[in-house]
Amino acid sequence: MDKIDILRKVVTTANEERKKKWIETQKERKIQAVAFVEFLGELQIPSEQIIQIVDKVTDLLEVSIDNVVFEALIDESEQIMQVLDEEEDGQPLS
């Protein structure tokens, strides 16, 4: 196994682990969201306020650092894999 094969294996394995962690994070967030909505339903506040609270929390979750970091790491590692594939095929490197 040459150095490029080793690097490819490392990047592929790291990428798979990142995707697994990202999926787990998403599952945890869904569970938390359900619990949060149930909690809000028990409060004695008007439904309009509940909707506003849910909208604000949703906005915060959409821009969470975790998602941005995971997506960036996955994108970068996929670009590395593309460069390795180009090098192996004899195409000009990106």
PDB file of N, CA and C in Angstrom:
ATOM      1  N   MET A   1       0.858  -1.174   0.000  1.00  0.00           N
ATOM      2  CA  MET A   1       0.000   0.000   0.000  1.00  0.00           C
ATOM      3  C   MET A   1       0.903   1.235   0.000  1.00  0.00           C
ATOM      4  N   ASP A   2       0.736   2.087  -1.007  1.00  0.00           N
ATOM      5  CA  ASP A   2       1.577   3.277  -1.070  1.00  0.00           C
ATOM      6  C   ASP A   2       0.963   4.416  -0.245  1.00  0.00           C
ATOM      7  N   LYS A   3       1.664   5.537  -0.203  1.00  0.00           N
ATOM      8  CA  LYS A   3       1.245   6.653   0.652  1.00  0.00           C
ATOM      9  C   LYS A   3      -0.115   7.208   0.250  1.00  0.00           C
ATOM     10  N   ILE A   4      -0.392   7.262  -1.041  1.00  0.00           N
ATOM     11  CA  ILE A   4      -1.679   7.789  -1.488  1.00  0.00           C
ATOM     12  C   ILE A   4      -2.807   6.865  -1.059  1.00  0.00           C
ATOM     13  N   ASP A   5      -2.595   5.561  -1.147  1.00  0.00           N
ATOM     14  CA  ASP A   5      -3.618   4.613  -0.696  1.00  0.00           C
ATOM     15  C   ASP A   5      -3.867   4.749   0.801  1.00  0.00           C
ATOM     16  N   ILE A   6      -2.809   4.943   1.552  1.00  0.00           N
ATOM     17  CA  ILE A   6      -2.946   5.130   3.003  1.00  0.00           C
ATOM     18  C   ILE A   6      -3.717   6.412   3.295  1.00  0.00           C
ATOM     19  N   LEU A   7      -3.347   7.494   2.610  1.00  0.00           N
ATOM     20  CA  LEU A   7      -4.040   8.769   2.804  1.00  0.00           C
ATOM     21  C   LEU A   7      -5.510   8.647   2.413  1.00  0.00           C
ATOM     22  N   ARG A   8      -5.774   7.982   1.309  1.00  0.00           N
ATOM     23  CA  ARG A   8      -7.152   7.778   0.859  1.00  0.00           C
ATOM     24  C   ARG A   8      -7.948   7.013   1.927  1.00  0.00           C
ATOM     25  N   LYS A   9      -7.351   5.984   2.486  1.00  0.00           N
ATOM     26  CA  LYS A   9      -8.018   5.182   3.513  1.00  0.00           C
ATOM     27  C   LYS A   9      -8.295   6.023   4.761  1.00  0.00           C
ATOM     28  N   VAL A  10      -7.323   6.816   5.166  1.00  0.00           N
ATOM     29  CA  VAL A  10      -7.487   7.669   6.345  1.00  0.00           C
ATOM     30  C   VAL A  10      -8.606   8.681   6.119  1.00  0.00           C
ATOM     31  N   VAL A  11      -8.595   9.330   4.962  1.00  0.00           N
ATOM     32  CA  VAL A  11      -9.611  10.339   4.666  1.00  0.00           C
ATOM     33  C   VAL A  11     -10.993   9.698   4.580  1.00  0.00           C
ATOM     34  N   THR A  12     -11.082   8.565   3.922  1.00  0.00           N
ATOM     35  CA  THR A  12     -12.366   7.873   3.787  1.00  0.00           C
ATOM     36  C   THR A  12     -12.904   7.454   5.150  1.00  0.00           C
ATOM     37  N   THR A  13     -12.060   6.889   5.977  1.00  0.00           N
ATOM     38  CA  THR A  13     -12.478   6.462   7.315  1.00  0.00           C
ATOM     39  C   THR A  13     -12.914   7.662   8.155  1.00  0.00           C
ATOM     40  N   ALA A  14     -12.138   8.732   8.116  1.00  0.00           N
ATOM     41  CA  ALA A  14     -12.487   9.935   8.878  1.00  0.00           C
ATOM     42  C   ALA A  14     -13.819  10.501   8.403  1.00  0.00           C
ATOM     43  N   ASN A  15     -14.018  10.507   7.097  1.00  0.00           N
ATOM     44  CA  ASN A  15     -15.258  11.024   6.535  1.00  0.00           C
ATOM     45  C   ASN A  15     -16.452  10.186   6.977  1.00  0.00           C
ATOM     46  N   GLU A  16     -16.305   8.880   6.960  1.00  0.00           N
ATOM     47  CA  GLU A  16     -17.385   7.998   7.399  1.00  0.00           C
ATOM     48  C   GLU A  16     -17.717   8.231   8.871  1.00  0.00           C
ATOM     49  N   GLU A  17     -16.692   8.410   9.691  1.00  0.00           N
ATOM     50  CA  GLU A  17     -16.918   8.671  11.115  1.00  0.00           C
ATOM     51  C   GLU A  17     -17.610  10.012  11.323  1.00  0.00           C
ATOM     52  N   ARG A  18     -17.215  11.021  10.554  1.00  0.00           N
ATOM     53  CA  ARG A  18     -17.863  12.335  10.663  1.00  0.00           C
ATOM     54  C   ARG A  18     -19.337  12.236  10.283  1.00  0.00           C
ATOM     55  N   LYS A  19     -19.622  11.499   9.214  1.00  0.00           N
ATOM     56  CA  LYS A  19     -21.016  11.347   8.791  1.00  0.00           C
ATOM     57  C   LYS A  19     -21.830  10.634   9.864  1.00  0.00           C
ATOM     58  N   LYS A  20     -21.254   9.592  10.475  1.00  0.00           N
ATOM     59  CA  LYS A  20     -21.954   8.879  11.548  1.00  0.00           C
ATOM     60  C   LYS A  20     -22.245   9.817  12.712  1.00  0.00           C
ATOM     61  N   LYS A  21     -21.247  10.615  13.098  1.00  0.00           N
ATOM     62  CA  LYS A  21     -21.420  11.551  14.207  1.00  0.00           C
ATOM     63  C   LYS A  21     -22.478  12.597  13.862  1.00  0.00           C
ATOM     64  N   TRP A  22     -22.459  13.075  12.631  1.00  0.00           N
ATOM     65  CA  TRP A  22     -23.435  14.062  12.197  1.00  0.00           C
ATOM     66  C   TRP A  22     -24.845  13.478  12.260  1.00  0.00           C
ATOM     67  N   ILE A  23     -25.009  12.235  11.809  1.00  0.00           N
ATOM     68  CA  ILE A  23     -26.314  11.573  11.849  1.00  0.00           C
ATOM     69  C   ILE A  23     -26.777  11.410  13.293  1.00  0.00           C
ATOM     70  N   GLU A  24     -25.869  11.005  14.184  1.00  0.00           N
ATOM     71  CA  GLU A  24     -26.207  10.876  15.606  1.00  0.00           C
ATOM     72  C   GLU A  24     -26.635  12.219  16.180  1.00  0.00           C
ATOM     73  N   THR A  25     -25.923  13.271  15.825  1.00  0.00           N
ATOM     74  CA  THR A  25     -26.257  14.611  16.302  1.00  0.00           C
ATOM     75  C   THR A  25     -27.656  14.998  15.847  1.00  0.00           C
ATOM     76  N   GLN A  26     -27.975  14.701  14.601  1.00  0.00           N
ATOM     77  CA  GLN A  26     -29.305  15.020  14.080  1.00  0.00           C
ATOM     78  C   GLN A  26     -30.392  14.245  14.825  1.00  0.00           C
ATOM     79  N   LYS A  27     -30.138  12.976  15.112  1.00  0.00           N
ATOM     80  CA  LYS A  27     -31.108  12.171  15.861  1.00  0.00           C
ATOM     81  C   LYS A  27     -31.335  12.760  17.252  1.00  0.00           C
ATOM     82  N   GLU A  28     -30.243  13.148  17.916  1.00  0.00           N
ATOM     83  CA  GLU A  28     -30.344  13.734  19.251  1.00  0.00           C
ATOM     84  C   GLU A  28     -31.132  15.035  19.206  1.00  0.00           C
ATOM     85  N   ARG A  29     -30.894  15.833  18.188  1.00  0.00           N
ATOM     86  CA  ARG A  29     -31.617  17.107  18.074  1.00  0.00           C
ATOM     87  C   ARG A  29     -33.106  16.880  17.854  1.00  0.00           C
ATOM     88  N   LYS A  30     -33.452  15.867  17.079  1.00  0.00           N
ATOM     89  CA  LYS A  30     -34.872  15.574  16.863  1.00  0.00           C
ATOM     90  C   LYS A  30     -35.534  15.165  18.172  1.00  0.00           C
ATOM     91  N   ILE A  31     -34.850  14.351  18.958  1.00  0.00           N
ATOM     92  CA  ILE A  31     -35.381  13.936  20.260  1.00  0.00           C
ATOM     93  C   ILE A  31     -35.552  15.151  21.166  1.00  0.00           C
ATOM     94  N   GLN A  32     -34.559  16.025  21.176  1.00  0.00           N
ATOM     95  CA  GLN A  32     -34.637  17.236  21.991  1.00  0.00           C
ATOM     96  C   GLN A  32     -35.768  18.143  21.519  1.00  0.00           C
ATOM     97  N   ALA A  33     -35.954  18.216  20.208  1.00  0.00           N
ATOM     98  CA  ALA A  33     -37.013  19.065  19.663  1.00  0.00           C
ATOM     99  C   ALA A  33     -38.388  18.561  20.092  1.00  0.00           C
ATOM    100  N   VAL A  34     -38.578  17.254  20.054  1.00  0.00           N
ATOM    101  CA  VAL A  34     -39.858  16.680  20.481  1.00  0.00           C
ATOM    102  C   VAL A  34     -40.100  16.989  21.958  1.00  0.00           C
ATOM    103  N   ALA A  35     -39.081  16.804  22.775  1.00  0.00           N
ATOM    104  CA  ALA A  35     -39.215  17.092  24.207  1.00  0.00           C
ATOM    105  C   ALA A  35     -39.511  18.575  24.434  1.00  0.00           C
ATOM    106  N   PHE A  36     -38.870  19.431  23.664  1.00  0.00           N
ATOM    107  CA  PHE A  36     -39.070  20.875  23.793  1.00  0.00           C
ATOM    108  C   PHE A  36     -40.503  21.258  23.423  1.00  0.00           C
ATOM    109  N   VAL A  37     -41.000  20.696  22.340  1.00  0.00           N
ATOM    110  CA  VAL A  37     -42.371  20.991  21.911  1.00  0.00           C
ATOM    111  C   VAL A  37     -43.368  20.488  22.954  1.00  0.00           C
ATOM    112  N   GLU A  38     -43.118  19.318  23.521  1.00  0.00           N
ATOM    113  CA  GLU A  38     -43.995  18.799  24.578  1.00  0.00           C
ATOM    114  C   GLU A  38     -43.979  19.728  25.792  1.00  0.00           C
ATOM    115  N   PHE A  39     -42.792  20.211  26.139  1.00  0.00           N
ATOM    116  CA  PHE A  39     -42.665  21.145  27.257  1.00  0.00           C
ATOM    117  C   PHE A  39     -43.451  22.423  26.979  1.00  0.00           C
ATOM    118  N   LEU A  40     -43.295  22.957  25.765  1.00  0.00           N
ATOM    119  CA  LEU A  40     -44.018  24.184  25.423  1.00  0.00           C
ATOM    120  C   LEU A  40     -45.526  23.970  25.466  1.00  0.00           C
ATOM    121  N   GLY A  41     -45.954  22.779  25.066  1.00  0.00           N
ATOM    122  CA  GLY A  41     -47.384  22.476  25.090  1.00  0.00           C
ATOM    123  C   GLY A  41     -47.967  22.479  26.493  1.00  0.00           C
ATOM    124  N   GLU A  42     -47.135  22.195  27.488  1.00  0.00           N
ATOM    125  CA  GLU A  42     -47.595  22.171  28.879  1.00  0.00           C
ATOM    126  C   GLU A  42     -47.652  23.562  29.503  1.00  0.00           C
ATOM    127  N   LEU A  43     -46.997  24.528  28.886  1.00  0.00           N
ATOM    128  CA  LEU A  43     -46.998  25.886  29.430  1.00  0.00           C
ATOM    129  C   LEU A  43     -48.350  26.549  29.194  1.00  0.00           C
ATOM    130  N   GLN A  44     -48.678  27.443  30.060  1.00  0.00           N
ATOM    131  CA  GLN A  44     -49.947  28.167  29.943  1.00  0.00           C
ATOM    132  C   GLN A  44     -49.718  29.485  29.200  1.00  0.00           C
ATOM    133  N   ILE A  45     -49.313  29.381  27.945  1.00  0.00           N
ATOM    134  CA  ILE A  45     -49.107  30.581  27.130  1.00  0.00           C
ATOM    135  C   ILE A  45     -49.871  30.406  25.819  1.00  0.00           C
ATOM    136  N   PRO A  46     -50.226  31.530  25.196  1.00  0.00           N
ATOM    137  CA  PRO A  46     -50.987  31.454  23.943  1.00  0.00           C
ATOM    138  C   PRO A  46     -50.209  30.720  22.843  1.00  0.00           C
ATOM    139  N   SER A  47     -50.951  30.075  21.967  1.00  0.00           N
ATOM    140  CA  SER A  47     -50.313  29.299  20.895  1.00  0.00           C
ATOM    141  C   SER A  47     -49.473  30.178  19.972  1.00  0.00           C
ATOM    142  N   GLU A  48     -49.846  31.457  19.811  1.00  0.00           N
ATOM    143  CA  GLU A  48     -49.051  32.359  18.976  1.00  0.00           C
ATOM    144  C   GLU A  48     -47.638  32.520  19.544  1.00  0.00           C
ATOM    145  N   GLN A  49     -47.552  32.622  20.858  1.00  0.00           N
ATOM    146  CA  GLN A  49     -46.242  32.745  21.496  1.00  0.00           C
ATOM    147  C   GLN A  49     -45.448  31.449  21.366  1.00  0.00           C
ATOM    148  N   ILE A  50     -46.110  30.324  21.470  1.00  0.00           N
ATOM    149  CA  ILE A  50     -45.429  29.036  21.298  1.00  0.00           C
ATOM    150  C   ILE A  50     -44.841  28.952  19.896  1.00  0.00           C
ATOM    151  N   ILE A  51     -45.624  29.361  18.905  1.00  0.00           N
ATOM    152  CA  ILE A  51     -45.144  29.333  17.519  1.00  0.00           C
ATOM    153  C   ILE A  51     -43.929  30.238  17.359  1.00  0.00           C
ATOM    154  N   GLN A  52     -43.970  31.425  17.961  1.00  0.00           N
ATOM    155  CA  GLN A  52     -42.829  32.344  17.884  1.00  0.00           C
ATOM    156  C   GLN A  52     -41.591  31.734  18.535  1.00  0.00           C
ATOM    157  N   ILE A  53     -41.770  31.114  19.678  1.00  0.00           N
ATOM    158  CA  ILE A  53     -40.639  30.487  20.376  1.00  0.00           C
ATOM    159  C   ILE A  53     -40.052  29.366  19.528  1.00  0.00           C
ATOM    160  N   VAL A  54     -40.905  28.518  18.979  1.00  0.00           N
ATOM    161  CA  VAL A  54     -40.431  27.417  18.137  1.00  0.00           C
ATOM    162  C   VAL A  54     -39.687  27.960  16.922  1.00  0.00           C
ATOM    163  N   ASP A  55     -40.216  29.012  16.306  1.00  0.00           N
ATOM    164  CA  ASP A  55     -39.538  29.615  15.148  1.00  0.00           C
ATOM    165  C   ASP A  55     -38.150  30.128  15.518  1.00  0.00           C
ATOM    166  N   LYS A  56     -38.034  30.789  16.647  1.00  0.00           N
ATOM    167  CA  LYS A  56     -36.731  31.328  17.073  1.00  0.00           C
ATOM    168  C   LYS A  56     -35.737  30.207  17.361  1.00  0.00           C
ATOM    169  N   VAL A  57     -36.187  29.182  18.052  1.00  0.00           N
ATOM    170  CA  VAL A  57     -35.302  28.057  18.366  1.00  0.00           C
ATOM    171  C   VAL A  57     -34.884  27.345  17.085  1.00  0.00           C
ATOM    172  N   THR A  58     -35.817  27.181  16.164  1.00  0.00           N
ATOM    173  CA  THR A  58     -35.502  26.550  14.882  1.00  0.00           C
ATOM    174  C   THR A  58     -34.445  27.349  14.139  1.00  0.00           C
ATOM    175  N   ASP A  59     -34.583  28.667  14.140  1.00  0.00           N
ATOM    176  CA  ASP A  59     -33.582  29.518  13.488  1.00  0.00           C
ATOM    177  C   ASP A  59     -32.205  29.313  14.105  1.00  0.00           C
ATOM    178  N   LEU A  60     -32.160  29.223  15.422  1.00  0.00           N
ATOM    179  CA  LEU A  60     -30.879  29.014  16.098  1.00  0.00           C
ATOM    180  C   LEU A  60     -30.264  27.668  15.732  1.00  0.00           C
ATOM    181  N   LEU A  61     -31.071  26.642  15.665  1.00  0.00           N
ATOM    182  CA  LEU A  61     -30.562  25.310  15.334  1.00  0.00           C
ATOM    183  C   LEU A  61     -30.064  25.229  13.895  1.00  0.00           C
ATOM    184  N   GLU A  62     -30.713  25.955  12.996  1.00  0.00           N
ATOM    185  CA  GLU A  62     -30.320  25.906  11.589  1.00  0.00           C
ATOM    186  C   GLU A  62     -28.921  26.459  11.363  1.00  0.00           C
ATOM    187  N   VAL A  63     -28.492  27.375  12.197  1.00  0.00           N
ATOM    188  CA  VAL A  63     -27.167  27.973  12.018  1.00  0.00           C
ATOM    189  C   VAL A  63     -26.165  27.453  13.039  1.00  0.00           C
ATOM    190  N   SER A  64     -26.472  26.319  13.603  1.00  0.00           N
ATOM    191  CA  SER A  64     -25.580  25.790  14.636  1.00  0.00           C
ATOM    192  C   SER A  64     -24.199  25.495  14.081  1.00  0.00           C
ATOM    193  N   ILE A  65     -23.220  25.697  14.905  1.00  0.00           N
ATOM    194  CA  ILE A  65     -21.824  25.475  14.528  1.00  0.00           C
ATOM    195  C   ILE A  65     -21.568  24.030  14.136  1.00  0.00           C
ATOM    196  N   ASP A  66     -22.186  23.087  14.830  1.00  0.00           N
ATOM    197  CA  ASP A  66     -21.948  21.677  14.535  1.00  0.00           C
ATOM    198  C   ASP A  66     -22.219  21.345  13.081  1.00  0.00           C
ATOM    199  N   ASN A  67     -23.359  21.773  12.581  1.00  0.00           N
ATOM    200  CA  ASN A  67     -23.699  21.471  11.193  1.00  0.00           C
ATOM    201  C   ASN A  67     -22.698  22.088  10.236  1.00  0.00           C
ATOM    202  N   VAL A  68     -22.340  23.323  10.476  1.00  0.00           N
ATOM    203  CA  VAL A  68     -21.406  24.012   9.594  1.00  0.00           C
ATOM    204  C   VAL A  68     -20.052  23.316   9.607  1.00  0.00           C
ATOM    205  N   VAL A  69     -19.580  22.953  10.778  1.00  0.00           N
ATOM    206  CA  VAL A  69     -18.280  22.295  10.897  1.00  0.00           C
ATOM    207  C   VAL A  69     -18.300  20.926  10.234  1.00  0.00           C
ATOM    208  N   PHE A  70     -19.316  20.131  10.507  1.00  0.00           N
ATOM    209  CA  PHE A  70     -19.385  18.803   9.896  1.00  0.00           C
ATOM    210  C   PHE A  70     -19.454  18.891   8.381  1.00  0.00           C
ATOM    211  N   GLU A  71     -20.286  19.784   7.883  1.00  0.00           N
ATOM    212  CA  GLU A  71     -20.407  19.916   6.436  1.00  0.00           C
ATOM    213  C   GLU A  71     -19.089  20.368   5.819  1.00  0.00           C
ATOM    214  N   ALA A  72     -18.401  21.298   6.465  1.00  0.00           N
ATOM    215  CA  ALA A  72     -17.119  21.774   5.941  1.00  0.00           C
ATOM    216  C   ALA A  72     -16.077  20.659   5.941  1.00  0.00           C
ATOM    217  N   LEU A  73     -16.019  19.893   7.009  1.00  0.00           N
ATOM    218  CA  LEU A  73     -15.059  18.789   7.072  1.00  0.00           C
ATOM    219  C   LEU A  73     -15.333  17.743   6.000  1.00  0.00           C
ATOM    220  N   ILE A  74     -16.585  17.421   5.816  1.00  0.00           N
ATOM    221  CA  ILE A  74     -16.945  16.434   4.800  1.00  0.00           C
ATOM    222  C   ILE A  74     -16.616  16.966   3.410  1.00  0.00           C
ATOM    223  N   ASP A  75     -16.948  18.222   3.146  1.00  0.00           N
ATOM    224  CA  ASP A  75     -16.638  18.814   1.837  1.00  0.00           C
ATOM    225  C   ASP A  75     -15.138  18.818   1.569  1.00  0.00           C
ATOM    226  N   GLU A  76     -14.366  19.216   2.567  1.00  0.00           N
ATOM    227  CA  GLU A  76     -12.909  19.261   2.395  1.00  0.00           C
ATOM    228  C   GLU A  76     -12.339  17.879   2.124  1.00  0.00           C
ATOM    229  N   SER A  77     -12.808  16.892   2.864  1.00  0.00           N
ATOM    230  CA  SER A  77     -12.263  15.552   2.660  1.00  0.00           C
ATOM    231  C   SER A  77     -12.686  14.990   1.303  1.00  0.00           C
ATOM    232  N   GLU A  78     -13.877  15.343   0.835  1.00  0.00           N
ATOM    233  CA  GLU A  78     -14.289  14.910  -0.501  1.00  0.00           C
ATOM    234  C   GLU A  78     -13.430  15.574  -1.575  1.00  0.00           C
ATOM    235  N   GLN A  79     -13.044  16.818  -1.354  1.00  0.00           N
ATOM    236  CA  GLN A  79     -12.157  17.496  -2.307  1.00  0.00           C
ATOM    237  C   GLN A  79     -10.778  16.840  -2.315  1.00  0.00           C
ATOM    238  N   ILE A  80     -10.307  16.429  -1.153  1.00  0.00           N
ATOM    239  CA  ILE A  80      -9.024  15.721  -1.085  1.00  0.00           C
ATOM    240  C   ILE A  80      -9.114  14.426  -1.877  1.00  0.00           C
ATOM    241  N   MET A  81     -10.217  13.712  -1.717  1.00  0.00           N
ATOM    242  CA  MET A  81     -10.397  12.462  -2.454  1.00  0.00           C
ATOM    243  C   MET A  81     -10.421  12.710  -3.959  1.00  0.00           C
ATOM    244  N   GLN A  82     -11.040  13.808  -4.377  1.00  0.00           N
ATOM    245  CA  GLN A  82     -11.089  14.142  -5.800  1.00  0.00           C
ATOM    246  C   GLN A  82      -9.688  14.402  -6.334  1.00  0.00           C
ATOM    247  N   VAL A  83      -8.877  15.121  -5.579  1.00  0.00           N
ATOM    248  CA  VAL A  83      -7.496  15.390  -5.993  1.00  0.00           C
ATOM    249  C   VAL A  83      -6.720  14.087  -6.102  1.00  0.00           C
ATOM    250  N   LEU A  84      -6.896  13.206  -5.134  1.00  0.00           N
ATOM    251  CA  LEU A  84      -6.202  11.919  -5.173  1.00  0.00           C
ATOM    252  C   LEU A  84      -6.635  11.099  -6.383  1.00  0.00           C
ATOM    253  N   ASP A  85      -7.921  11.122  -6.681  1.00  0.00           N
ATOM    254  CA  ASP A  85      -8.415  10.386  -7.846  1.00  0.00           C
ATOM    255  C   ASP A  85      -7.859  10.961  -9.142  1.00  0.00           C
ATOM    256  N   GLU A  86      -7.785  12.293  -9.220  1.00  0.00           N
ATOM    257  CA  GLU A  86      -7.241  12.931 -10.419  1.00  0.00           C
ATOM    258  C   GLU A  86      -5.776  12.561 -10.599  1.00  0.00           C
ATOM    259  N   GLU A  87      -5.040  12.555  -9.492  1.00  0.00           N
ATOM    260  CA  GLU A  87      -3.622  12.219  -9.569  1.00  0.00           C
ATOM    261  C   GLU A  87      -3.442  10.781 -10.043  1.00  0.00           C
ATOM    262  N   GLU A  88      -4.279   9.910  -9.534  1.00  0.00           N
ATOM    263  CA  GLU A  88      -4.187   8.500  -9.897  1.00  0.00           C
ATOM    264  C   GLU A  88      -4.548   8.279 -11.367  1.00  0.00           C
ATOM    265  N   ASP A  89      -5.498   9.053 -11.876  1.00  0.00           N
ATOM    266  CA  ASP A  89      -5.927   8.915 -13.269  1.00  0.00           C
ATOM    267  C   ASP A  89      -5.017   9.651 -14.241  1.00  0.00           C
ATOM    268  N   GLY A  90      -4.051  10.386 -13.730  1.00  0.00           N
ATOM    269  CA  GLY A  90      -3.131  11.126 -14.581  1.00  0.00           C
ATOM    270  C   GLY A  90      -3.702  12.438 -15.093  1.00  0.00           C
ATOM    271  N   GLN A  91      -4.829  12.865 -14.536  1.00  0.00           N
ATOM    272  CA  GLN A  91      -5.419  14.140 -14.919  1.00  0.00           C
ATOM    273  C   GLN A  91      -4.689  15.252 -14.180  1.00  0.00           C
ATOM    274  N   PRO A  92      -4.788  16.478 -14.699  1.00  0.00           N
ATOM    275  CA  PRO A  92      -4.173  17.598 -13.975  1.00  0.00           C
ATOM    276  C   PRO A  92      -4.813  17.748 -12.594  1.00  0.00           C
ATOM    277  N   LEU A  93      -4.012  18.037 -11.606  1.00  0.00           N
ATOM    278  CA  LEU A  93      -4.517  18.193 -10.243  1.00  0.00           C
ATOM    279  C   LEU A  93      -5.279  19.497 -10.111  1.00  0.00           C
ATOM    280  N   SER A  94      -6.326  19.491  -9.296  1.00  0.00           N
ATOM    281  CA  SER A  94      -7.127  20.698  -9.065  1.00  0.00           C
ATOM    282  C   SER A  94      -6.347  21.681  -8.227  1.00  0.00           C
TER     283      SER A  94
END
